[in-house]
PDB file of N, CA and C in Angstrom:
ATOM      1  N   MET A   1       0.776  -1.463  -0.199  1.00  0.00           N
ATOM      2  CA  MET A   1      -0.013  -0.021   0.185  1.00  0.00           C
ATOM      3  C   MET A   1       0.813   1.306  -0.028  1.00  0.00           C
ATOM      4  N   ALA A   2       2.434   1.335   0.788  1.00  0.00           N
ATOM      5  CA  ALA A   2       2.953   2.360   0.724  1.00  0.00           C
ATOM      6  C   ALA A   2       3.587   2.646  -0.278  1.00  0.00           C
ATOM      7  N   ASP A   3       3.931   1.216  -1.322  1.00  0.00           N
ATOM      8  CA  ASP A   3       4.592   2.162  -2.818  1.00  0.00           C
ATOM      9  C   ASP A   3       3.605   2.800  -3.322  1.00  0.00           C
ATOM     10  N   THR A   4       2.339   3.024  -3.105  1.00  0.00           N
ATOM     11  CA  THR A   4       1.664   4.142  -4.318  1.00  0.00           C
ATOM     12  C   THR A   4       2.486   5.297  -4.523  1.00  0.00           C
ATOM     13  N   CYS A   5       2.345   5.712  -5.802  1.00  0.00           N
ATOM     14  CA  CYS A   5       3.266   7.148  -5.950  1.00  0.00           C
ATOM     15  C   CYS A   5       3.364   7.832  -5.007  1.00  0.00           C
ATOM     16  N   GLU A   6       1.383   8.035  -4.492  1.00  0.00           N
ATOM     17  CA  GLU A   6       1.616   9.393  -3.078  1.00  0.00           C
ATOM     18  C   GLU A   6       2.055   9.312  -2.491  1.00  0.00           C
ATOM     19  N   GLY A   7       2.138   7.959  -1.650  1.00  0.00           N
ATOM     20  CA  GLY A   7       2.559   7.495  -0.197  1.00  0.00           C
ATOM     21  C   GLY A   7       4.180   7.653  -0.462  1.00  0.00           C
ATOM     22  N   ARG A   8       4.909   7.209  -1.500  1.00  0.00           N
ATOM     23  CA  ARG A   8       6.313   7.399  -1.793  1.00  0.00           C
ATOM     24  C   ARG A   8       6.226   8.761  -2.079  1.00  0.00           C
ATOM     25  N   HIS A   9       5.980   9.996  -2.591  1.00  0.00           N
ATOM     26  CA  HIS A   9       6.254  11.329  -2.678  1.00  0.00           C
ATOM     27  C   HIS A   9       6.415  11.281  -0.880  1.00  0.00           C
ATOM     28  N   LEU A  10       4.847  11.489  -0.412  1.00  0.00           N
ATOM     29  CA  LEU A  10       5.099  12.028   1.035  1.00  0.00           C
ATOM     30  C   LEU A  10       6.515  11.525   1.756  1.00  0.00           C
ATOM     31  N   ARG A  11       6.860  10.196   1.516  1.00  0.00           N
ATOM     32  CA  ARG A  11       7.733   9.823   2.230  1.00  0.00           C
ATOM     33  C   ARG A  11       9.577  10.416   2.164  1.00  0.00           C
ATOM     34  N   ARG A  12       9.133  10.902   0.699  1.00  0.00           N
ATOM     35  CA  ARG A  12      10.657  11.059   0.045  1.00  0.00           C
ATOM     36  C   ARG A  12      10.457  13.021   1.048  1.00  0.00           C
ATOM     37  N   LEU A  13       9.787  13.357   1.359  1.00  0.00           N
ATOM     38  CA  LEU A  13       9.457  14.961   1.388  1.00  0.00           C
ATOM     39  C   LEU A  13       9.816  15.143   3.151  1.00  0.00           C
ATOM     40  N   GLN A  14       9.785  13.790   3.917  1.00  0.00           N
ATOM     41  CA  GLN A  14       9.882  13.949   5.002  1.00  0.00           C
ATOM     42  C   GLN A  14      11.651  12.964   5.312  1.00  0.00           C
ATOM     43  N   PRO A  15      12.709  14.246   5.852  1.00  0.00           N
ATOM     44  CA  PRO A  15      13.912  13.430   6.281  1.00  0.00           C
ATOM     45  C   PRO A  15      13.280  11.958   7.413  1.00  0.00           C
ATOM     46  N   ARG A  16      14.466  10.853   6.339  1.00  0.00           N
ATOM     47  CA  ARG A  16      14.782   9.416   7.161  1.00  0.00           C
ATOM     48  C   ARG A  16      15.121   9.523   8.427  1.00  0.00           C
ATOM     49  N   ILE A  17      14.488   9.047   9.157  1.00  0.00           N
ATOM     50  CA  ILE A  17      15.329   8.644  10.246  1.00  0.00           C
ATOM     51  C   ILE A  17      15.646   7.408  10.281  1.00  0.00           C
ATOM     52  N   GLN A  18      17.167   6.762  10.456  1.00  0.00           N
ATOM     53  CA  GLN A  18      17.787   5.807  10.322  1.00  0.00           C
ATOM     54  C   GLN A  18      18.692   5.388  11.259  1.00  0.00           C
ATOM     55  N   ASN A  19      18.675   4.414  11.943  1.00  0.00           N
ATOM     56  CA  ASN A  19      19.681   4.143  12.915  1.00  0.00           C
ATOM     57  C   ASN A  19      19.733   5.241  14.191  1.00  0.00           C
ATOM     58  N   GLY A  20      18.397   5.677  14.705  1.00  0.00           N
ATOM     59  CA  GLY A  20      18.131   6.965  15.403  1.00  0.00           C
ATOM     60  C   GLY A  20      18.829   8.046  15.254  1.00  0.00           C
ATOM     61  N   LYS A  21      19.565   8.489  13.691  1.00  0.00           N
ATOM     62  CA  LYS A  21      19.889   9.638  13.378  1.00  0.00           C
ATOM     63  C   LYS A  21      19.279   9.933  12.631  1.00  0.00           C
ATOM     64  N   LYS A  22      18.787  11.280  11.974  1.00  0.00           N
ATOM     65  CA  LYS A  22      18.093  11.790  10.790  1.00  0.00           C
ATOM     66  C   LYS A  22      18.719  12.118  10.060  1.00  0.00           C
ATOM     67  N   GLU A  23      17.981  11.701   8.538  1.00  0.00           N
ATOM     68  CA  GLU A  23      19.099  11.713   7.592  1.00  0.00           C
ATOM     69  C   GLU A  23      18.255  12.850   6.279  1.00  0.00           C
ATOM     70  N   THR A  24      19.524  13.738   6.098  1.00  0.00           N
ATOM     71  CA  THR A  24      18.617  14.832   5.192  1.00  0.00           C
ATOM     72  C   THR A  24      18.564  14.366   4.116  1.00  0.00           C
ATOM     73  N   LEU A  25      17.466  14.989   3.467  1.00  0.00           N
ATOM     74  CA  LEU A  25      17.316  14.769   1.797  1.00  0.00           C
ATOM     75  C   LEU A  25      18.411  14.211   0.993  1.00  0.00           C
ATOM     76  N   PRO A  26      19.216  15.185   0.651  1.00  0.00           N
ATOM     77  CA  PRO A  26      20.019  14.658  -0.074  1.00  0.00           C
ATOM     78  C   PRO A  26      21.016  13.645  -0.331  1.00  0.00           C
ATOM     79  N   GLN A  27      21.146  13.224   1.003  1.00  0.00           N
ATOM     80  CA  GLN A  27      21.799  12.370   1.567  1.00  0.00           C
ATOM     81  C   GLN A  27      21.439  10.711   1.085  1.00  0.00           C
ATOM     82  N   TYR A  28      19.948  10.800   1.598  1.00  0.00           N
ATOM     83  CA  TYR A  28      19.150   9.518   1.588  1.00  0.00           C
ATOM     84  C   TYR A  28      18.439   9.435   0.017  1.00  0.00           C
ATOM     85  N   LEU A  29      18.734  10.678  -0.980  1.00  0.00           N
ATOM     86  CA  LEU A  29      18.701  10.077  -2.591  1.00  0.00           C
ATOM     87  C   LEU A  29      19.783  10.104  -2.732  1.00  0.00           C
ATOM     88  N   ARG A  30      20.894  10.398  -2.250  1.00  0.00           N
ATOM     89  CA  ARG A  30      22.099   9.719  -2.698  1.00  0.00           C
ATOM     90  C   ARG A  30      22.057   8.254  -2.469  1.00  0.00           C
ATOM     91  N   LYS A  31      22.110   7.889  -1.280  1.00  0.00           N
ATOM     92  CA  LYS A  31      22.151   6.730  -1.021  1.00  0.00           C
ATOM     93  C   LYS A  31      21.506   5.867  -2.006  1.00  0.00           C
ATOM     94  N   GLN A  32      20.185   6.013  -2.427  1.00  0.00           N
ATOM     95  CA  GLN A  32      18.990   5.391  -3.207  1.00  0.00           C
ATOM     96  C   GLN A  32      19.954   4.919  -4.619  1.00  0.00           C
ATOM     97  N   ASN A  33      20.293   5.920  -4.914  1.00  0.00           N
ATOM     98  CA  ASN A  33      21.203   5.880  -6.302  1.00  0.00           C
ATOM     99  C   ASN A  33      22.163   5.340  -6.388  1.00  0.00           C
ATOM    100  N   GLU A  34      22.660   5.180  -5.585  1.00  0.00           N
ATOM    101  CA  GLU A  34      24.095   4.267  -5.120  1.00  0.00           C
ATOM    102  C   GLU A  34      23.756   2.886  -5.184  1.00  0.00           C
ATOM    103  N   LYS A  35      22.641   2.939  -4.533  1.00  0.00           N
ATOM    104  CA  LYS A  35      21.750   0.983  -4.090  1.00  0.00           C
ATOM    105  C   LYS A  35      22.097   0.894  -5.770  1.00  0.00           C
ATOM    106  N   ARG A  36      20.811   1.371  -6.534  1.00  0.00           N
ATOM    107  CA  ARG A  36      20.348   1.726  -8.078  1.00  0.00           C
ATOM    108  C   ARG A  36      21.620   0.924  -8.730  1.00  0.00           C
ATOM    109  N   LYS A  37      22.354   1.798  -8.670  1.00  0.00           N
ATOM    110  CA  LYS A  37      24.139   1.675  -9.551  1.00  0.00           C
ATOM    111  C   LYS A  37      24.411   0.252  -9.404  1.00  0.00           C
ATOM    112  N   ASN A  38      24.319   0.102  -7.949  1.00  0.00           N
ATOM    113  CA  ASN A  38      24.912  -0.957  -7.722  1.00  0.00           C
ATOM    114  C   ASN A  38      24.375  -2.324  -8.290  1.00  0.00           C
ATOM    115  N   LEU A  39      23.033  -2.000  -8.182  1.00  0.00           N
ATOM    116  CA  LEU A  39      22.395  -3.213  -8.412  1.00  0.00           C
ATOM    117  C   LEU A  39      22.123  -3.651 -10.090  1.00  0.00           C
ATOM    118  N   ARG A  40      22.857  -2.194 -10.996  1.00  0.00           N
ATOM    119  CA  ARG A  40      22.918  -2.532 -12.439  1.00  0.00           C
ATOM    120  C   ARG A  40      23.909  -3.121 -12.740  1.00  0.00           C
ATOM    121  N   LYS A  41      25.056  -2.529 -12.352  1.00  0.00           N
ATOM    122  CA  LYS A  41      26.291  -3.177 -12.031  1.00  0.00           C
ATOM    123  C   LYS A  41      26.390  -4.575 -12.250  1.00  0.00           C
ATOM    124  N   ARG A  42      25.522  -5.304 -11.017  1.00  0.00           N
ATOM    125  CA  ARG A  42      25.508  -6.271 -10.636  1.00  0.00           C
ATOM    126  C   ARG A  42      25.028  -7.626 -11.828  1.00  0.00           C
ATOM    127  N   LYS A  43      23.524  -7.232 -12.021  1.00  0.00           N
ATOM    128  CA  LYS A  43      22.778  -7.198 -13.283  1.00  0.00           C
ATOM    129  C   LYS A  43      23.870  -7.913 -14.351  1.00  0.00           C
ATOM    130  N   LEU A  44      24.498  -6.568 -14.705  1.00  0.00           N
ATOM    131  CA  LEU A  44      25.351  -6.743 -16.021  1.00  0.00           C
ATOM    132  C   LEU A  44      26.303  -7.787 -15.708  1.00  0.00           C
ATOM    133  N   ALA A  45      26.841  -7.692 -14.512  1.00  0.00           N
ATOM    134  CA  ALA A  45      27.871  -8.831 -14.152  1.00  0.00           C
ATOM    135  C   ALA A  45      27.737 -10.405 -14.618  1.00  0.00           C
ATOM    136  N   GLN A  46      26.326 -10.302 -13.868  1.00  0.00           N
ATOM    137  CA  GLN A  46      26.098 -11.966 -14.313  1.00  0.00           C
ATOM    138  C   GLN A  46      26.040 -12.096 -15.771  1.00  0.00           C
ATOM    139  N   ARG A  47      25.611 -11.411 -16.399  1.00  0.00           N
ATOM    140  CA  ARG A  47      24.910 -11.871 -17.793  1.00  0.00           C
ATOM    141  C   ARG A  47      26.678 -12.318 -18.334  1.00  0.00           C
TER     142      ARG A  47
END
């Protein structure tokens, strides 16, 4: 249910709380992008 566009958007607007410390928006987005990049690399390596 939380994966609707609206839910994702709302979640993105709020700073994530991870490991008890607040994470600013750009850091969180950067981490997400890194994860995506790594996944893509792994997929390419498997082929």
